[in-house]
N, C-alpha and C. Protein backbone atom coordinates (compact mmCIF):
# COMPACT_ATOMS: atom_id res chain seq x y z
N UNK A 1 -29.65 0.32 86.12
CA UNK A 1 -28.28 -0.11 86.30
C UNK A 1 -28.08 -1.49 85.69
N UNK A 2 -26.90 -1.70 85.13
CA UNK A 2 -26.57 -2.98 84.53
C UNK A 2 -26.12 -4.00 85.55
N UNK A 3 -26.09 -5.22 85.13
CA UNK A 3 -25.71 -6.35 85.99
C UNK A 3 -24.31 -6.18 86.57
N UNK A 4 -23.38 -5.63 85.81
CA UNK A 4 -22.00 -5.46 86.26
C UNK A 4 -21.70 -4.05 86.75
N UNK A 5 -22.70 -3.28 87.09
CA UNK A 5 -22.53 -1.88 87.46
C UNK A 5 -21.46 -1.67 88.53
N UNK A 6 -21.41 -2.54 89.53
CA UNK A 6 -20.45 -2.36 90.64
C UNK A 6 -19.27 -3.33 90.55
N UNK A 7 -19.01 -3.86 89.38
CA UNK A 7 -17.92 -4.81 89.19
C UNK A 7 -16.58 -4.23 89.65
N UNK A 8 -16.36 -2.96 89.38
CA UNK A 8 -15.11 -2.30 89.76
C UNK A 8 -14.92 -2.16 91.26
N UNK A 9 -15.96 -2.43 92.06
CA UNK A 9 -15.85 -2.35 93.51
C UNK A 9 -15.27 -3.62 94.13
N UNK A 10 -15.15 -4.68 93.32
CA UNK A 10 -14.54 -5.91 93.84
C UNK A 10 -13.07 -5.66 94.15
N UNK A 11 -12.50 -6.52 94.99
CA UNK A 11 -11.07 -6.41 95.29
C UNK A 11 -10.48 -7.80 95.46
N UNK A 12 -9.17 -7.88 95.36
CA UNK A 12 -8.45 -9.16 95.45
C UNK A 12 -8.85 -9.90 96.72
N UNK A 13 -9.10 -11.20 96.57
CA UNK A 13 -9.47 -12.04 97.69
C UNK A 13 -10.97 -12.29 97.81
N UNK A 14 -11.77 -11.43 97.23
CA UNK A 14 -13.22 -11.66 97.29
C UNK A 14 -13.59 -12.89 96.49
N UNK A 15 -14.69 -13.51 96.86
CA UNK A 15 -15.13 -14.73 96.20
C UNK A 15 -16.28 -14.44 95.24
N UNK A 16 -16.27 -15.14 94.12
CA UNK A 16 -17.34 -15.07 93.14
C UNK A 16 -17.84 -16.50 92.93
N UNK A 17 -19.13 -16.72 93.07
CA UNK A 17 -19.73 -18.02 92.83
C UNK A 17 -20.48 -17.96 91.51
N UNK A 18 -20.24 -18.95 90.65
CA UNK A 18 -20.88 -19.00 89.33
C UNK A 18 -21.62 -20.33 89.21
N UNK A 19 -22.92 -20.26 88.90
CA UNK A 19 -23.70 -21.47 88.65
C UNK A 19 -23.70 -21.75 87.16
N UNK A 20 -23.24 -22.94 86.80
CA UNK A 20 -23.14 -23.35 85.41
C UNK A 20 -24.49 -23.88 84.90
N UNK A 21 -24.60 -24.06 83.61
CA UNK A 21 -25.84 -24.54 83.00
C UNK A 21 -26.24 -25.91 83.53
N UNK A 22 -25.25 -26.72 83.93
CA UNK A 22 -25.54 -28.05 84.47
C UNK A 22 -25.81 -28.02 85.98
N UNK A 23 -25.95 -26.82 86.54
CA UNK A 23 -26.27 -26.56 87.95
C UNK A 23 -25.10 -26.78 88.90
N UNK A 24 -23.92 -27.09 88.36
CA UNK A 24 -22.74 -27.13 89.21
C UNK A 24 -22.38 -25.70 89.59
N UNK A 25 -21.81 -25.55 90.77
CA UNK A 25 -21.39 -24.23 91.24
C UNK A 25 -19.87 -24.19 91.28
N UNK A 26 -19.30 -23.17 90.66
CA UNK A 26 -17.85 -22.97 90.71
C UNK A 26 -17.56 -21.78 91.61
N UNK A 27 -16.47 -21.88 92.35
CA UNK A 27 -16.08 -20.83 93.30
C UNK A 27 -14.74 -20.26 92.83
N UNK A 28 -14.68 -18.94 92.74
CA UNK A 28 -13.52 -18.24 92.22
C UNK A 28 -13.05 -17.21 93.24
N UNK A 29 -11.75 -16.93 93.25
CA UNK A 29 -11.17 -15.88 94.10
C UNK A 29 -10.61 -14.79 93.19
N UNK A 30 -11.04 -13.56 93.44
CA UNK A 30 -10.57 -12.42 92.65
C UNK A 30 -9.07 -12.24 92.87
N UNK A 31 -8.34 -12.13 91.76
CA UNK A 31 -6.89 -11.90 91.86
C UNK A 31 -6.51 -10.49 91.44
N UNK A 32 -7.34 -9.85 90.59
CA UNK A 32 -7.03 -8.48 90.20
C UNK A 32 -8.28 -7.77 89.68
N UNK A 33 -8.28 -6.47 89.84
CA UNK A 33 -9.31 -5.59 89.28
C UNK A 33 -8.56 -4.44 88.63
N UNK A 34 -8.71 -4.30 87.32
CA UNK A 34 -7.94 -3.28 86.60
C UNK A 34 -8.85 -2.47 85.68
N UNK A 35 -8.46 -1.23 85.46
CA UNK A 35 -9.15 -0.33 84.55
C UNK A 35 -8.21 -0.07 83.37
N UNK A 36 -8.66 -0.38 82.16
CA UNK A 36 -7.86 -0.19 80.95
C UNK A 36 -8.54 0.81 80.03
N UNK A 37 -7.79 1.80 79.55
CA UNK A 37 -8.32 2.69 78.52
C UNK A 37 -8.63 1.84 77.30
N UNK A 38 -9.74 2.13 76.63
CA UNK A 38 -10.16 1.31 75.50
C UNK A 38 -9.06 1.18 74.44
N UNK A 39 -8.31 2.23 74.21
CA UNK A 39 -7.25 2.18 73.20
C UNK A 39 -6.11 1.24 73.61
N UNK A 40 -6.00 0.93 74.91
CA UNK A 40 -4.92 0.09 75.41
C UNK A 40 -5.42 -1.25 75.95
N UNK A 41 -6.65 -1.63 75.59
CA UNK A 41 -7.24 -2.86 76.10
C UNK A 41 -6.40 -4.07 75.70
N UNK A 42 -6.00 -4.90 76.68
CA UNK A 42 -5.10 -6.03 76.40
C UNK A 42 -5.86 -7.28 75.94
N UNK A 43 -6.30 -7.28 74.69
CA UNK A 43 -7.08 -8.40 74.15
C UNK A 43 -6.42 -9.75 74.41
N UNK A 44 -5.15 -9.86 74.08
CA UNK A 44 -4.45 -11.15 74.20
C UNK A 44 -4.45 -11.66 75.64
N UNK A 45 -4.32 -10.78 76.61
CA UNK A 45 -4.33 -11.17 78.02
C UNK A 45 -5.74 -11.56 78.46
N UNK A 46 -6.71 -10.75 78.13
CA UNK A 46 -8.07 -10.98 78.61
C UNK A 46 -8.70 -12.22 77.97
N UNK A 47 -8.43 -12.45 76.70
CA UNK A 47 -9.06 -13.56 75.99
C UNK A 47 -8.14 -14.75 75.79
N UNK A 48 -7.06 -14.85 76.55
CA UNK A 48 -6.12 -15.97 76.44
C UNK A 48 -6.82 -17.29 76.74
N UNK A 49 -6.44 -18.32 75.99
CA UNK A 49 -7.03 -19.65 76.18
C UNK A 49 -6.05 -20.65 76.76
N UNK A 50 -4.91 -20.21 77.23
CA UNK A 50 -3.93 -21.13 77.77
C UNK A 50 -3.77 -20.88 79.27
N UNK A 51 -3.15 -21.84 79.93
CA UNK A 51 -2.92 -21.71 81.36
C UNK A 51 -4.03 -22.31 82.18
N UNK A 52 -3.97 -22.12 83.48
CA UNK A 52 -4.99 -22.68 84.37
C UNK A 52 -6.34 -21.99 84.16
N UNK A 53 -7.42 -22.62 84.63
CA UNK A 53 -8.74 -21.99 84.49
C UNK A 53 -8.74 -20.58 85.10
N UNK A 54 -9.35 -19.65 84.39
CA UNK A 54 -9.44 -18.27 84.87
C UNK A 54 -10.81 -17.71 84.49
N UNK A 55 -11.34 -16.89 85.36
CA UNK A 55 -12.58 -16.18 85.09
C UNK A 55 -12.21 -14.72 84.85
N UNK A 56 -12.68 -14.18 83.75
CA UNK A 56 -12.43 -12.77 83.46
C UNK A 56 -13.77 -12.11 83.17
N UNK A 57 -14.09 -11.11 83.96
CA UNK A 57 -15.34 -10.36 83.80
C UNK A 57 -14.97 -8.97 83.31
N UNK A 58 -15.67 -8.52 82.26
CA UNK A 58 -15.35 -7.25 81.63
C UNK A 58 -16.61 -6.40 81.52
N UNK A 59 -16.47 -5.13 81.87
CA UNK A 59 -17.58 -4.19 81.69
C UNK A 59 -16.99 -2.81 81.40
N UNK A 60 -17.84 -1.91 81.00
CA UNK A 60 -17.39 -0.55 80.73
C UNK A 60 -17.09 0.16 82.05
N UNK A 61 -16.24 1.17 81.99
CA UNK A 61 -15.88 1.89 83.20
C UNK A 61 -15.13 3.16 82.88
N UNK A 62 -14.65 3.80 83.93
CA UNK A 62 -13.92 5.05 83.75
C UNK A 62 -14.86 6.20 83.45
N UNK A 63 -14.33 7.20 82.78
CA UNK A 63 -15.10 8.41 82.46
C UNK A 63 -16.11 8.12 81.34
N UNK A 64 -17.24 8.79 81.42
CA UNK A 64 -18.26 8.68 80.38
C UNK A 64 -18.13 9.86 79.45
N UNK A 65 -18.05 9.59 78.16
CA UNK A 65 -17.93 10.63 77.13
C UNK A 65 -19.33 10.95 76.62
N UNK A 66 -19.84 12.10 77.02
CA UNK A 66 -21.20 12.48 76.65
C UNK A 66 -21.36 12.75 75.15
N UNK A 67 -20.28 13.07 74.47
CA UNK A 67 -20.38 13.33 73.03
C UNK A 67 -20.55 12.04 72.23
N UNK A 68 -19.96 10.94 72.72
CA UNK A 68 -20.09 9.65 72.02
C UNK A 68 -21.06 8.70 72.72
N UNK A 69 -21.44 9.09 73.94
CA UNK A 69 -22.32 8.26 74.78
C UNK A 69 -21.69 6.89 75.06
N UNK A 70 -20.39 6.89 75.31
CA UNK A 70 -19.66 5.67 75.62
C UNK A 70 -18.67 5.92 76.75
N UNK A 71 -18.37 4.85 77.48
CA UNK A 71 -17.31 4.93 78.48
C UNK A 71 -15.97 4.86 77.78
N UNK A 72 -14.95 5.47 78.37
CA UNK A 72 -13.63 5.55 77.75
C UNK A 72 -12.71 4.40 78.16
N UNK A 73 -13.16 3.57 79.09
CA UNK A 73 -12.32 2.49 79.61
C UNK A 73 -13.14 1.23 79.85
N UNK A 74 -12.42 0.18 80.21
CA UNK A 74 -13.05 -1.09 80.58
C UNK A 74 -12.50 -1.56 81.92
N UNK A 75 -13.38 -2.09 82.74
CA UNK A 75 -12.99 -2.72 84.00
C UNK A 75 -12.84 -4.20 83.72
N UNK A 76 -11.69 -4.77 84.13
CA UNK A 76 -11.44 -6.20 83.95
C UNK A 76 -11.16 -6.82 85.32
N UNK A 77 -12.00 -7.76 85.71
CA UNK A 77 -11.80 -8.51 86.95
C UNK A 77 -11.32 -9.90 86.57
N UNK A 78 -10.21 -10.33 87.15
CA UNK A 78 -9.67 -11.67 86.91
C UNK A 78 -9.76 -12.46 88.21
N UNK A 79 -10.17 -13.73 88.08
CA UNK A 79 -10.29 -14.60 89.26
C UNK A 79 -9.76 -15.99 88.92
N UNK A 80 -9.28 -16.68 89.94
CA UNK A 80 -8.78 -18.04 89.76
C UNK A 80 -9.75 -19.02 90.42
N UNK A 81 -9.83 -20.21 89.83
CA UNK A 81 -10.73 -21.24 90.33
C UNK A 81 -10.26 -21.74 91.68
N UNK A 82 -11.20 -21.78 92.63
CA UNK A 82 -10.89 -22.30 93.96
C UNK A 82 -11.43 -23.73 94.05
N UNK A 83 -12.73 -23.92 93.82
CA UNK A 83 -13.36 -25.24 93.84
C UNK A 83 -14.58 -25.23 92.94
N UNK A 84 -15.03 -26.42 92.62
CA UNK A 84 -16.31 -26.58 91.93
C UNK A 84 -17.04 -27.73 92.57
N UNK A 85 -18.36 -27.65 92.59
CA UNK A 85 -19.14 -28.72 93.22
C UNK A 85 -20.30 -29.12 92.34
């Protein structure tokens, strides 16, 4: 199983703690969990560089296509910064 295998099980309000390279810990609150078909993946939304700090975690999801050996969708979790220490 991959590191993000259960990413789609998160829900709004859950907390995610991220340890940075400088050993600071940032705390995030999940604001949304969405499944996007690959053909409709919102690149501009997911990779936006404007606005307040946001954490976006992306992994494969949805149905698995055995003929291509790929998932047909992506799970996108968005979180907002709560605190950093």
